Amino acid sequence: MAQIFHPSMRVISRASIIAVVLIGGFIGWVCWDMYRSGYFTDVNVPKEQPIPFSHEHHVNGLGISCLYCHTSVEQSAFAGIPPSHTCMTCHSQIWTGAPMLEPVRSSYRTQQPLAWNRVHDLPDFAYFNHSIHVAKGMACQVCHGDVNKMPLVARRNPLQMQWCLECHRSPEKYIRPVSEIYNFDYVYPKNQTEFGQRLVKQYNVQVKQLTDCSVCHR
């Protein structure tokens, strides 16, 4: 019987299989890299807001504490967004006619809350509790970055599962005294690992349980 395929087809078929595997792997790597890139995570991309609120001005310039606006951060899962009357505590006295602040004044008059666009928006299948992180010595900066230096707030971290697990596996690298949670000028000591391990024990951080799926997926 005559040979149907030329002997060279063996080489071609093997080369084709290797090419498919390599190309598939390359496409997978590109997709994974894009998934972790700022294009998908919105890292360093400020969100458009009803008014251009500057944390840099209010925190660094005026010295306003995080707790003044985010009142529920120590008691609940949600940090809280300040109602318009909180803004009007000051802006009923200063910048009273600024066009930029008309949305705030209108919200205060009509009792209709401002529609802020969330910057740090986790998917619905991920559970995050602000109060437990604050109570265990995790500062605002760990997740939100140097908000005090942001004219417009943007993500500084991807907030993806791999990023969260880095902290959950080694909380001693990021933990600080609870008294320093809102101190943006805090400097981690040179012996942070040793110091952090003592804080982990002091605050009863259950490290072995932090990587359980049920901690974040409930």
N, C-alpha and C. Protein backbone atom coordinates (compact mmCIF):
# COMPACT_ATOMS: atom_id res chain seq x y z
N MET A 1 0.85 -1.19 0.00
CA MET A 1 0.00 0.00 0.00
C MET A 1 0.89 1.25 0.00
N ALA A 2 0.50 2.17 -0.85
CA ALA A 2 1.28 3.40 -0.94
C ALA A 2 1.14 4.22 0.34
N GLN A 3 2.22 4.85 0.75
CA GLN A 3 2.19 5.68 1.96
C GLN A 3 1.39 6.95 1.69
N ILE A 4 0.41 7.21 2.57
CA ILE A 4 -0.48 8.36 2.37
C ILE A 4 0.24 9.66 2.68
N PHE A 5 0.91 9.71 3.84
CA PHE A 5 1.57 10.95 4.26
C PHE A 5 3.08 10.86 4.03
N HIS A 6 3.61 11.94 3.63
CA HIS A 6 5.06 12.03 3.42
C HIS A 6 5.77 11.95 4.78
N PRO A 7 6.93 11.33 4.88
CA PRO A 7 7.65 11.22 6.16
C PRO A 7 7.89 12.55 6.85
N SER A 8 7.97 13.61 6.06
CA SER A 8 8.21 14.92 6.67
C SER A 8 7.04 15.39 7.54
N MET A 9 5.86 14.77 7.37
CA MET A 9 4.69 15.16 8.16
C MET A 9 4.90 14.88 9.64
N ARG A 10 5.75 13.89 9.96
CA ARG A 10 6.03 13.62 11.36
C ARG A 10 6.66 14.84 12.03
N VAL A 11 7.63 15.39 11.32
CA VAL A 11 8.31 16.57 11.86
C VAL A 11 7.34 17.74 11.93
N ILE A 12 6.54 17.90 10.87
CA ILE A 12 5.59 19.01 10.83
C ILE A 12 4.56 18.89 11.94
N SER A 13 4.05 17.67 12.15
CA SER A 13 3.02 17.46 13.18
C SER A 13 3.59 17.73 14.57
N ARG A 14 4.79 17.26 14.83
CA ARG A 14 5.41 17.50 16.13
C ARG A 14 5.66 19.00 16.35
N ALA A 15 6.16 19.64 15.29
CA ALA A 15 6.42 21.07 15.39
C ALA A 15 5.12 21.84 15.61
N SER A 16 4.04 21.38 14.96
CA SER A 16 2.74 22.04 15.12
C SER A 16 2.23 21.92 16.57
N ILE A 17 2.40 20.73 17.15
CA ILE A 17 1.96 20.52 18.53
C ILE A 17 2.74 21.41 19.49
N ILE A 18 4.06 21.46 19.30
CA ILE A 18 4.91 22.31 20.15
C ILE A 18 4.53 23.77 19.97
N ALA A 19 4.26 24.18 18.72
CA ALA A 19 3.89 25.57 18.45
C ALA A 19 2.57 25.93 19.12
N VAL A 20 1.61 25.01 19.06
CA VAL A 20 0.30 25.25 19.69
C VAL A 20 0.47 25.40 21.20
N VAL A 21 1.28 24.53 21.79
CA VAL A 21 1.51 24.60 23.24
C VAL A 21 2.18 25.91 23.61
N LEU A 22 3.21 26.29 22.85
CA LEU A 22 3.94 27.52 23.15
C LEU A 22 3.06 28.75 22.95
N ILE A 23 2.32 28.78 21.85
CA ILE A 23 1.44 29.92 21.57
C ILE A 23 0.34 30.02 22.62
N GLY A 24 -0.23 28.84 22.98
CA GLY A 24 -1.27 28.82 24.01
C GLY A 24 -0.75 29.32 25.34
N GLY A 25 0.47 28.87 25.68
CA GLY A 25 1.07 29.32 26.93
C GLY A 25 1.35 30.82 26.91
N PHE A 26 1.81 31.32 25.75
CA PHE A 26 2.09 32.76 25.63
C PHE A 26 0.81 33.57 25.76
N ILE A 27 -0.26 33.12 25.10
CA ILE A 27 -1.54 33.83 25.19
C ILE A 27 -2.05 33.82 26.63
N GLY A 28 -1.90 32.66 27.29
CA GLY A 28 -2.32 32.58 28.70
C GLY A 28 -1.53 33.53 29.58
N TRP A 29 -0.21 33.61 29.34
CA TRP A 29 0.63 34.52 30.12
C TRP A 29 0.24 35.98 29.88
N VAL A 30 -0.04 36.33 28.62
CA VAL A 30 -0.45 37.70 28.30
C VAL A 30 -1.77 38.03 28.99
N CYS A 31 -2.73 37.09 28.94
CA CYS A 31 -4.04 37.33 29.58
C CYS A 31 -3.88 37.49 31.09
N TRP A 32 -3.04 36.65 31.71
CA TRP A 32 -2.82 36.74 33.16
C TRP A 32 -2.13 38.06 33.52
N ASP A 33 -1.16 38.46 32.69
CA ASP A 33 -0.47 39.71 32.96
C ASP A 33 -1.41 40.90 32.80
N MET A 34 -2.28 40.86 31.81
CA MET A 34 -3.26 41.92 31.62
C MET A 34 -4.25 41.97 32.77
N TYR A 35 -4.65 40.78 33.25
CA TYR A 35 -5.60 40.70 34.37
C TYR A 35 -5.03 41.38 35.61
N ARG A 36 -3.71 41.30 35.78
CA ARG A 36 -3.07 41.91 36.94
C ARG A 36 -2.62 43.34 36.68
N SER A 37 -2.80 43.82 35.48
CA SER A 37 -2.34 45.16 35.11
C SER A 37 -3.35 46.22 35.55
N GLY A 38 -2.91 47.47 35.51
CA GLY A 38 -3.78 48.57 35.88
C GLY A 38 -4.98 48.71 34.98
N TYR A 39 -4.93 48.13 33.76
CA TYR A 39 -6.06 48.21 32.84
C TYR A 39 -7.28 47.53 33.44
N PHE A 40 -7.06 46.43 34.19
CA PHE A 40 -8.16 45.71 34.81
C PHE A 40 -8.35 46.08 36.27
N THR A 41 -7.27 46.38 36.97
CA THR A 41 -7.36 46.65 38.41
C THR A 41 -7.63 48.11 38.74
N ASP A 42 -7.48 49.00 37.77
CA ASP A 42 -7.67 50.44 37.98
C ASP A 42 -6.67 51.03 38.96
N VAL A 43 -5.53 50.38 39.15
CA VAL A 43 -4.50 50.92 40.02
C VAL A 43 -3.97 52.23 39.44
N ASN A 44 -3.91 53.25 40.30
CA ASN A 44 -3.41 54.58 39.94
C ASN A 44 -4.30 55.32 38.95
N VAL A 45 -5.56 54.88 38.84
CA VAL A 45 -6.51 55.55 37.94
C VAL A 45 -7.59 56.23 38.79
N PRO A 46 -7.54 57.56 38.94
CA PRO A 46 -8.57 58.25 39.74
C PRO A 46 -9.95 58.12 39.10
N LYS A 47 -10.96 57.91 39.95
CA LYS A 47 -12.33 57.84 39.46
C LYS A 47 -12.96 59.23 39.45
N GLU A 48 -13.75 59.49 38.43
CA GLU A 48 -14.47 60.76 38.37
C GLU A 48 -15.53 60.79 39.47
N GLN A 49 -15.62 61.90 40.18
CA GLN A 49 -16.54 62.02 41.31
C GLN A 49 -17.46 63.24 41.12
N PRO A 50 -18.56 63.28 41.88
CA PRO A 50 -19.47 64.44 41.78
C PRO A 50 -18.76 65.75 42.07
N ILE A 51 -17.81 65.73 43.00
CA ILE A 51 -16.95 66.87 43.28
C ILE A 51 -15.52 66.36 43.43
N PRO A 52 -14.53 67.14 43.04
CA PRO A 52 -13.13 66.69 43.14
C PRO A 52 -12.60 66.81 44.56
N PHE A 53 -13.02 65.91 45.44
CA PHE A 53 -12.61 65.96 46.84
C PHE A 53 -11.14 65.58 46.97
N SER A 54 -10.38 66.40 47.68
CA SER A 54 -8.95 66.17 47.84
C SER A 54 -8.64 65.71 49.26
N HIS A 55 -8.22 64.46 49.39
CA HIS A 55 -7.76 63.98 50.70
C HIS A 55 -6.46 64.68 51.09
N GLU A 56 -5.64 64.98 50.10
CA GLU A 56 -4.38 65.66 50.39
C GLU A 56 -4.64 66.99 51.11
N HIS A 57 -5.60 67.75 50.63
CA HIS A 57 -5.92 69.04 51.24
C HIS A 57 -6.55 68.87 52.62
N HIS A 58 -7.51 67.95 52.72
CA HIS A 58 -8.25 67.82 53.98
C HIS A 58 -7.44 67.11 55.06
N VAL A 59 -6.63 66.12 54.68
CA VAL A 59 -5.86 65.36 55.68
C VAL A 59 -4.52 66.04 55.96
N ASN A 60 -3.71 66.21 54.93
CA ASN A 60 -2.40 66.83 55.14
C ASN A 60 -2.50 68.32 55.41
N GLY A 61 -3.34 69.00 54.64
CA GLY A 61 -3.43 70.44 54.77
C GLY A 61 -4.16 70.91 56.01
N LEU A 62 -5.32 70.28 56.28
CA LEU A 62 -6.16 70.73 57.39
C LEU A 62 -6.07 69.83 58.63
N GLY A 63 -5.44 68.67 58.49
CA GLY A 63 -5.26 67.79 59.63
C GLY A 63 -6.52 67.09 60.09
N ILE A 64 -7.48 66.89 59.19
CA ILE A 64 -8.72 66.21 59.56
C ILE A 64 -8.48 64.71 59.65
N SER A 65 -8.94 64.10 60.71
CA SER A 65 -8.75 62.67 60.94
C SER A 65 -9.66 61.84 60.04
N CYS A 66 -9.22 60.64 59.72
CA CYS A 66 -10.03 59.71 58.93
C CYS A 66 -11.40 59.49 59.59
N LEU A 67 -11.40 59.41 60.91
CA LEU A 67 -12.62 59.10 61.65
C LEU A 67 -13.66 60.21 61.58
N TYR A 68 -13.26 61.41 61.24
CA TYR A 68 -14.22 62.51 61.16
C TYR A 68 -15.24 62.26 60.06
N CYS A 69 -14.77 61.67 58.96
CA CYS A 69 -15.66 61.37 57.83
C CYS A 69 -16.09 59.90 57.80
N HIS A 70 -15.14 59.02 58.06
CA HIS A 70 -15.43 57.58 57.99
C HIS A 70 -15.73 57.08 59.41
N THR A 71 -16.89 57.45 59.88
CA THR A 71 -17.23 57.29 61.30
C THR A 71 -17.45 55.84 61.74
N SER A 72 -17.79 54.96 60.82
CA SER A 72 -18.15 53.59 61.23
C SER A 72 -17.02 52.59 61.02
N VAL A 73 -15.82 53.07 60.67
CA VAL A 73 -14.75 52.16 60.30
C VAL A 73 -14.33 51.26 61.46
N GLU A 74 -14.53 51.69 62.70
CA GLU A 74 -14.11 50.89 63.85
C GLU A 74 -15.23 49.99 64.38
N GLN A 75 -16.45 50.16 63.88
CA GLN A 75 -17.58 49.40 64.39
C GLN A 75 -18.25 48.48 63.37
N SER A 76 -17.99 48.69 62.10
CA SER A 76 -18.72 47.90 61.11
C SER A 76 -17.82 47.48 59.96
N ALA A 77 -18.39 46.66 59.08
CA ALA A 77 -17.64 46.20 57.91
C ALA A 77 -17.37 47.35 56.95
N PHE A 78 -18.29 48.28 56.88
CA PHE A 78 -18.19 49.40 55.95
C PHE A 78 -17.59 50.61 56.64
N ALA A 79 -16.65 51.27 55.98
CA ALA A 79 -15.97 52.42 56.60
C ALA A 79 -16.90 53.62 56.74
N GLY A 80 -17.90 53.70 55.88
CA GLY A 80 -18.83 54.82 55.94
C GLY A 80 -18.43 55.96 55.02
N ILE A 81 -19.40 56.50 54.32
CA ILE A 81 -19.19 57.68 53.49
C ILE A 81 -19.89 58.84 54.17
N PRO A 82 -19.22 59.96 54.35
CA PRO A 82 -19.81 61.06 55.11
C PRO A 82 -21.05 61.64 54.43
N PRO A 83 -22.12 61.86 55.19
CA PRO A 83 -23.30 62.53 54.62
C PRO A 83 -22.99 64.00 54.35
N SER A 84 -23.83 64.63 53.58
CA SER A 84 -23.57 66.01 53.17
C SER A 84 -23.50 66.97 54.35
N HIS A 85 -24.26 66.67 55.41
CA HIS A 85 -24.23 67.60 56.55
C HIS A 85 -22.87 67.59 57.25
N THR A 86 -22.10 66.50 57.09
CA THR A 86 -20.74 66.50 57.63
C THR A 86 -19.88 67.50 56.87
N CYS A 87 -20.02 67.50 55.55
CA CYS A 87 -19.27 68.46 54.73
C CYS A 87 -19.70 69.90 55.07
N MET A 88 -21.00 70.09 55.29
CA MET A 88 -21.53 71.42 55.53
C MET A 88 -21.17 71.95 56.91
N THR A 89 -20.66 71.11 57.78
CA THR A 89 -20.18 71.60 59.07
C THR A 89 -19.15 72.70 58.86
N CYS A 90 -18.29 72.49 57.87
CA CYS A 90 -17.28 73.50 57.54
C CYS A 90 -17.75 74.41 56.42
N HIS A 91 -18.36 73.79 55.39
CA HIS A 91 -18.63 74.56 54.18
C HIS A 91 -19.90 75.41 54.26
N SER A 92 -20.54 75.42 55.40
CA SER A 92 -21.58 76.43 55.63
C SER A 92 -20.93 77.74 56.07
N GLN A 93 -19.61 77.67 56.38
CA GLN A 93 -18.87 78.83 56.86
C GLN A 93 -17.78 79.27 55.88
N ILE A 94 -17.19 78.33 55.18
CA ILE A 94 -16.11 78.67 54.24
C ILE A 94 -16.44 78.12 52.86
N TRP A 95 -15.97 78.82 51.85
CA TRP A 95 -16.24 78.47 50.45
C TRP A 95 -17.75 78.30 50.23
N THR A 96 -18.52 79.16 50.82
CA THR A 96 -19.99 79.01 50.81
C THR A 96 -20.59 79.19 49.43
N GLY A 97 -19.92 79.93 48.56
CA GLY A 97 -20.48 80.15 47.23
C GLY A 97 -19.70 79.52 46.11
N ALA A 98 -18.77 78.64 46.45
CA ALA A 98 -17.93 78.01 45.42
C ALA A 98 -18.77 77.14 44.49
N PRO A 99 -18.73 77.40 43.19
CA PRO A 99 -19.51 76.58 42.24
C PRO A 99 -19.17 75.10 42.34
N MET A 100 -17.89 74.80 42.62
CA MET A 100 -17.46 73.41 42.70
C MET A 100 -18.22 72.64 43.77
N LEU A 101 -18.66 73.34 44.84
CA LEU A 101 -19.32 72.68 45.97
C LEU A 101 -20.85 72.74 45.88
N GLU A 102 -21.40 73.21 44.77
CA GLU A 102 -22.85 73.26 44.63
C GLU A 102 -23.51 71.89 44.78
N PRO A 103 -22.91 70.80 44.25
CA PRO A 103 -23.52 69.48 44.48
C PRO A 103 -23.67 69.14 45.96
N VAL A 104 -22.73 69.58 46.78
CA VAL A 104 -22.83 69.33 48.23
C VAL A 104 -23.97 70.14 48.83
N ARG A 105 -24.05 71.40 48.46
CA ARG A 105 -25.11 72.26 48.99
C ARG A 105 -26.49 71.76 48.54
N SER A 106 -26.57 71.35 47.28
CA SER A 106 -27.83 70.83 46.75
C SER A 106 -28.24 69.55 47.48
N SER A 107 -27.25 68.67 47.72
CA SER A 107 -27.52 67.43 48.46
C SER A 107 -28.02 67.72 49.87
N TYR A 108 -27.43 68.72 50.49
CA TYR A 108 -27.82 69.10 51.86
C TYR A 108 -29.25 69.66 51.87
N ARG A 109 -29.59 70.48 50.86
CA ARG A 109 -30.92 71.08 50.81
C ARG A 109 -31.99 70.03 50.54
N THR A 110 -31.71 69.13 49.62
CA THR A 110 -32.72 68.17 49.18
C THR A 110 -32.71 66.87 49.98
N GLN A 111 -31.68 66.70 50.81
CA GLN A 111 -31.51 65.46 51.58
C GLN A 111 -31.33 64.24 50.67
N GLN A 112 -30.80 64.48 49.49
CA GLN A 112 -30.47 63.40 48.57
C GLN A 112 -28.96 63.18 48.59
N PRO A 113 -28.50 62.01 49.00
CA PRO A 113 -27.05 61.79 49.12
C PRO A 113 -26.34 61.90 47.78
N LEU A 114 -25.11 62.33 47.84
CA LEU A 114 -24.27 62.39 46.65
C LEU A 114 -23.97 60.98 46.15
N ALA A 115 -23.94 60.83 44.85
CA ALA A 115 -23.66 59.51 44.26
C ALA A 115 -22.16 59.40 43.98
N TRP A 116 -21.41 59.03 45.02
CA TRP A 116 -19.96 58.86 44.86
C TRP A 116 -19.67 57.58 44.09
N ASN A 117 -18.62 57.59 43.32
CA ASN A 117 -18.18 56.40 42.60
C ASN A 117 -17.13 55.67 43.43
N ARG A 118 -17.40 54.43 43.76
CA ARG A 118 -16.50 53.68 44.62
C ARG A 118 -15.17 53.41 43.94
N VAL A 119 -14.11 53.67 44.66
CA VAL A 119 -12.75 53.44 44.16
C VAL A 119 -12.29 52.04 44.55
N HIS A 120 -12.51 51.67 45.80
CA HIS A 120 -12.12 50.35 46.30
C HIS A 120 -13.38 49.49 46.38
N ASP A 121 -13.72 48.87 45.28
CA ASP A 121 -14.96 48.12 45.17
C ASP A 121 -14.66 46.64 44.97
N LEU A 122 -14.82 45.88 46.03
CA LEU A 122 -14.57 44.44 45.95
C LEU A 122 -15.76 43.74 45.30
N PRO A 123 -15.52 42.61 44.65
CA PRO A 123 -16.65 41.85 44.08
C PRO A 123 -17.57 41.34 45.19
N ASP A 124 -18.81 41.06 44.84
CA ASP A 124 -19.81 40.66 45.83
C ASP A 124 -19.46 39.35 46.53
N PHE A 125 -18.65 38.51 45.89
CA PHE A 125 -18.34 37.21 46.51
C PHE A 125 -17.19 37.31 47.52
N ALA A 126 -16.62 38.51 47.69
CA ALA A 126 -15.53 38.70 48.65
C ALA A 126 -16.04 39.53 49.83
N TYR A 127 -15.87 39.00 51.03
CA TYR A 127 -16.32 39.70 52.24
C TYR A 127 -15.12 40.39 52.89
N PHE A 128 -15.30 41.67 53.20
CA PHE A 128 -14.23 42.42 53.86
C PHE A 128 -14.83 43.22 55.00
N ASN A 129 -14.19 43.15 56.16
CA ASN A 129 -14.68 43.87 57.34
C ASN A 129 -13.63 44.86 57.80
N HIS A 130 -13.95 46.16 57.69
CA HIS A 130 -13.00 47.18 58.10
C HIS A 130 -12.68 47.10 59.60
N SER A 131 -13.71 46.90 60.40
CA SER A 131 -13.53 46.99 61.86
C SER A 131 -12.54 45.97 62.39
N ILE A 132 -12.56 44.74 61.88
CA ILE A 132 -11.67 43.72 62.40
C ILE A 132 -10.22 44.02 62.00
N HIS A 133 -10.02 44.58 60.81
CA HIS A 133 -8.67 44.93 60.38
C HIS A 133 -8.10 46.06 61.23
N VAL A 134 -8.92 47.07 61.51
CA VAL A 134 -8.48 48.18 62.34
C VAL A 134 -8.17 47.70 63.76
N ALA A 135 -9.02 46.83 64.28
CA ALA A 135 -8.84 46.33 65.65
C ALA A 135 -7.58 45.48 65.78
N LYS A 136 -7.14 44.88 64.67
CA LYS A 136 -5.97 43.99 64.70
C LYS A 136 -4.69 44.69 64.24
N GLY A 137 -4.74 46.02 64.08
CA GLY A 137 -3.52 46.76 63.79
C GLY A 137 -3.18 46.92 62.33
N MET A 138 -4.17 46.83 61.46
CA MET A 138 -3.94 47.06 60.03
C MET A 138 -4.37 48.48 59.68
N ALA A 139 -3.42 49.30 59.30
CA ALA A 139 -3.68 50.71 59.06
C ALA A 139 -4.35 50.93 57.70
N CYS A 140 -4.94 52.11 57.56
CA CYS A 140 -5.58 52.49 56.30
C CYS A 140 -4.61 52.36 55.13
N GLN A 141 -3.35 52.75 55.38
CA GLN A 141 -2.35 52.77 54.30
C GLN A 141 -2.04 51.39 53.73
N VAL A 142 -2.23 50.34 54.53
CA VAL A 142 -1.90 49.00 54.06
C VAL A 142 -2.68 48.67 52.80
N CYS A 143 -3.96 49.02 52.78
CA CYS A 143 -4.81 48.74 51.61
C CYS A 143 -4.96 49.95 50.70
N HIS A 144 -5.12 51.12 51.30
CA HIS A 144 -5.48 52.31 50.52
C HIS A 144 -4.28 53.15 50.08
N GLY A 145 -3.10 52.84 50.58
CA GLY A 145 -1.93 53.63 50.22
C GLY A 145 -1.90 54.97 50.94
N ASP A 146 -1.04 55.86 50.49
CA ASP A 146 -0.91 57.18 51.12
C ASP A 146 -2.03 58.10 50.65
N VAL A 147 -3.24 57.86 51.17
CA VAL A 147 -4.40 58.65 50.79
C VAL A 147 -4.18 60.12 51.11
N ASN A 148 -3.41 60.37 52.16
CA ASN A 148 -3.15 61.76 52.56
C ASN A 148 -2.37 62.55 51.53
N LYS A 149 -1.82 61.87 50.52
CA LYS A 149 -1.06 62.55 49.48
C LYS A 149 -1.79 62.56 48.13
N MET A 150 -3.07 62.18 48.16
CA MET A 150 -3.82 62.06 46.91
C MET A 150 -4.77 63.23 46.72
N PRO A 151 -4.53 64.07 45.71
CA PRO A 151 -5.51 65.10 45.38
C PRO A 151 -6.84 64.47 44.95
N LEU A 152 -6.76 63.38 44.22
CA LEU A 152 -7.93 62.58 43.85
C LEU A 152 -7.61 61.14 44.19
N VAL A 153 -8.52 60.47 44.85
CA VAL A 153 -8.26 59.11 45.33
C VAL A 153 -8.23 58.11 44.17
N ALA A 154 -7.22 57.26 44.21
CA ALA A 154 -7.11 56.17 43.25
C ALA A 154 -6.61 54.93 43.99
N ARG A 155 -6.87 53.78 43.44
CA ARG A 155 -6.34 52.56 44.04
C ARG A 155 -4.83 52.57 43.97
N ARG A 156 -4.21 52.10 45.03
CA ARG A 156 -2.76 51.92 45.02
C ARG A 156 -2.40 50.43 45.01
N ASN A 157 -3.39 49.57 45.25
CA ASN A 157 -3.16 48.13 45.27
C ASN A 157 -4.27 47.44 44.47
N PRO A 158 -3.99 46.27 43.89
CA PRO A 158 -4.96 45.62 43.00
C PRO A 158 -6.18 45.05 43.71
N LEU A 159 -6.07 44.74 45.01
CA LEU A 159 -7.17 44.16 45.79
C LEU A 159 -7.62 42.81 45.24
N GLN A 160 -6.72 42.11 44.57
CA GLN A 160 -7.03 40.76 44.09
C GLN A 160 -6.65 39.75 45.16
N MET A 161 -7.16 38.53 45.02
CA MET A 161 -7.00 37.53 46.07
C MET A 161 -5.53 37.26 46.39
N GLN A 162 -4.69 37.18 45.37
CA GLN A 162 -3.27 36.91 45.61
C GLN A 162 -2.65 38.00 46.48
N TRP A 163 -3.04 39.26 46.21
CA TRP A 163 -2.52 40.38 46.99
C TRP A 163 -3.00 40.30 48.45
N CYS A 164 -4.25 39.97 48.66
CA CYS A 164 -4.78 39.84 50.02
C CYS A 164 -4.08 38.70 50.78
N LEU A 165 -3.85 37.60 50.08
CA LEU A 165 -3.23 36.44 50.73
C LEU A 165 -1.79 36.72 51.17
N GLU A 166 -1.11 37.60 50.47
CA GLU A 166 0.26 37.95 50.88
C GLU A 166 0.25 38.49 52.31
N CYS A 167 -0.74 39.28 52.64
CA CYS A 167 -0.85 39.85 53.98
C CYS A 167 -1.40 38.82 54.97
N HIS A 168 -2.37 38.03 54.53
CA HIS A 168 -2.97 37.04 55.42
C HIS A 168 -1.97 35.95 55.81
N ARG A 169 -1.02 35.68 54.93
CA ARG A 169 -0.01 34.66 55.24
C ARG A 169 1.09 35.22 56.16
N SER A 170 1.35 36.51 56.04
CA SER A 170 2.43 37.12 56.83
C SER A 170 1.99 38.47 57.40
N PRO A 171 1.00 38.47 58.29
CA PRO A 171 0.50 39.75 58.83
C PRO A 171 1.55 40.52 59.62
N GLU A 172 2.57 39.82 60.13
CA GLU A 172 3.60 40.50 60.93
C GLU A 172 4.37 41.54 60.12
N LYS A 173 4.34 41.42 58.79
CA LYS A 173 5.05 42.39 57.95
C LYS A 173 4.34 43.74 57.89
N TYR A 174 3.03 43.74 58.14
CA TYR A 174 2.23 44.94 57.92
C TYR A 174 1.56 45.49 59.17
N ILE A 175 1.49 44.68 60.20
CA ILE A 175 0.78 45.09 61.41
C ILE A 175 1.52 46.21 62.13
N ARG A 176 0.78 47.06 62.81
CA ARG A 176 1.38 48.14 63.60
C ARG A 176 0.55 48.33 64.86
N PRO A 177 1.04 49.07 65.84
CA PRO A 177 0.24 49.32 67.05
C PRO A 177 -1.09 49.98 66.68
N VAL A 178 -2.15 49.58 67.35
CA VAL A 178 -3.48 50.14 67.08
C VAL A 178 -3.48 51.65 67.25
N SER A 179 -2.65 52.14 68.15
CA SER A 179 -2.58 53.59 68.38
C SER A 179 -2.02 54.34 67.18
N GLU A 180 -1.40 53.62 66.23
CA GLU A 180 -0.78 54.25 65.07
C GLU A 180 -1.55 54.00 63.78
N ILE A 181 -2.76 53.49 63.90
CA ILE A 181 -3.54 53.13 62.73
C ILE A 181 -3.74 54.31 61.78
N TYR A 182 -4.04 55.48 62.34
CA TYR A 182 -4.36 56.64 61.51
C TYR A 182 -3.18 57.60 61.35
N ASN A 183 -2.00 57.14 61.75
CA ASN A 183 -0.81 57.98 61.64
C ASN A 183 -0.13 57.73 60.30
N PHE A 184 -0.29 58.67 59.37
CA PHE A 184 0.28 58.50 58.04
C PHE A 184 1.79 58.69 58.03
N ASP A 185 2.34 59.19 59.10
CA ASP A 185 3.79 59.39 59.18
C ASP A 185 4.49 58.26 59.93
N TYR A 186 3.74 57.24 60.26
CA TYR A 186 4.32 56.11 61.00
C TYR A 186 5.42 55.43 60.18
N VAL A 187 6.50 55.09 60.86
CA VAL A 187 7.63 54.40 60.21
C VAL A 187 7.78 53.03 60.85
N TYR A 188 7.75 51.98 60.04
CA TYR A 188 7.93 50.64 60.57
C TYR A 188 9.35 50.48 61.11
N PRO A 189 9.51 49.84 62.27
CA PRO A 189 10.85 49.65 62.83
C PRO A 189 11.68 48.70 61.99
N LYS A 190 12.99 48.76 62.15
CA LYS A 190 13.88 47.89 61.39
C LYS A 190 13.66 46.42 61.73
N ASN A 191 13.24 46.16 62.96
CA ASN A 191 12.96 44.77 63.37
C ASN A 191 11.47 44.48 63.26
N GLN A 192 10.84 44.93 62.16
CA GLN A 192 9.40 44.81 62.01
C GLN A 192 8.92 43.37 62.11
N THR A 193 9.64 42.43 61.55
CA THR A 193 9.19 41.04 61.60
C THR A 193 9.07 40.56 63.05
N GLU A 194 10.09 40.81 63.85
CA GLU A 194 10.05 40.42 65.26
C GLU A 194 8.99 41.22 66.02
N PHE A 195 8.98 42.53 65.79
CA PHE A 195 8.01 43.39 66.46
C PHE A 195 6.58 43.02 66.04
N GLY A 196 6.41 42.74 64.73
CA GLY A 196 5.10 42.37 64.21
C GLY A 196 4.60 41.06 64.79
N GLN A 197 5.50 40.11 64.99
CA GLN A 197 5.10 38.83 65.58
C GLN A 197 4.59 39.01 67.00
N ARG A 198 5.20 39.94 67.73
CA ARG A 198 4.71 40.22 69.09
C ARG A 198 3.32 40.84 69.04
N LEU A 199 3.11 41.74 68.08
CA LEU A 199 1.79 42.36 67.95
C LEU A 199 0.74 41.34 67.51
N VAL A 200 1.13 40.45 66.62
CA VAL A 200 0.21 39.39 66.17
C VAL A 200 -0.27 38.57 67.37
N LYS A 201 0.66 38.25 68.26
CA LYS A 201 0.30 37.50 69.45
C LYS A 201 -0.53 38.35 70.41
N GLN A 202 -0.13 39.62 70.57
CA GLN A 202 -0.83 40.53 71.49
C GLN A 202 -2.27 40.77 71.06
N TYR A 203 -2.48 40.91 69.75
CA TYR A 203 -3.82 41.19 69.24
C TYR A 203 -4.60 39.92 68.89
N ASN A 204 -4.00 38.78 69.21
CA ASN A 204 -4.66 37.48 69.00
C ASN A 204 -5.09 37.30 67.54
N VAL A 205 -4.18 37.57 66.63
CA VAL A 205 -4.45 37.36 65.21
C VAL A 205 -4.32 35.88 64.90
N GLN A 206 -5.40 35.27 64.42
CA GLN A 206 -5.42 33.83 64.16
C GLN A 206 -4.82 33.54 62.78
N VAL A 207 -3.50 33.53 62.71
CA VAL A 207 -2.80 33.41 61.43
C VAL A 207 -3.17 32.14 60.69
N LYS A 208 -3.29 31.04 61.40
CA LYS A 208 -3.56 29.75 60.75
C LYS A 208 -4.93 29.73 60.08
N GLN A 209 -5.84 30.58 60.54
CA GLN A 209 -7.19 30.59 59.98
C GLN A 209 -7.36 31.64 58.87
N LEU A 210 -6.38 32.53 58.73
CA LEU A 210 -6.54 33.65 57.80
C LEU A 210 -6.57 33.23 56.34
N THR A 211 -6.05 32.04 56.04
CA THR A 211 -6.05 31.58 54.65
C THR A 211 -7.20 30.61 54.35
N ASP A 212 -8.09 30.41 55.33
CA ASP A 212 -9.27 29.59 55.08
C ASP A 212 -10.19 30.31 54.09
N CYS A 213 -10.77 29.59 53.16
CA CYS A 213 -11.64 30.20 52.15
C CYS A 213 -12.79 30.97 52.79
N SER A 214 -13.32 30.42 53.90
CA SER A 214 -14.51 31.00 54.52
C SER A 214 -14.25 32.36 55.15
N VAL A 215 -12.99 32.72 55.34
CA VAL A 215 -12.69 34.03 55.92
C VAL A 215 -13.18 35.15 55.00
N CYS A 216 -12.98 34.98 53.71
CA CYS A 216 -13.35 36.03 52.75
C CYS A 216 -14.55 35.66 51.90
N HIS A 217 -14.80 34.37 51.75
CA HIS A 217 -15.91 33.92 50.87
C HIS A 217 -16.97 33.25 51.74
N ARG A 218 -18.03 34.01 52.00
CA ARG A 218 -19.08 33.51 52.91
C ARG A 218 -20.42 33.41 52.20
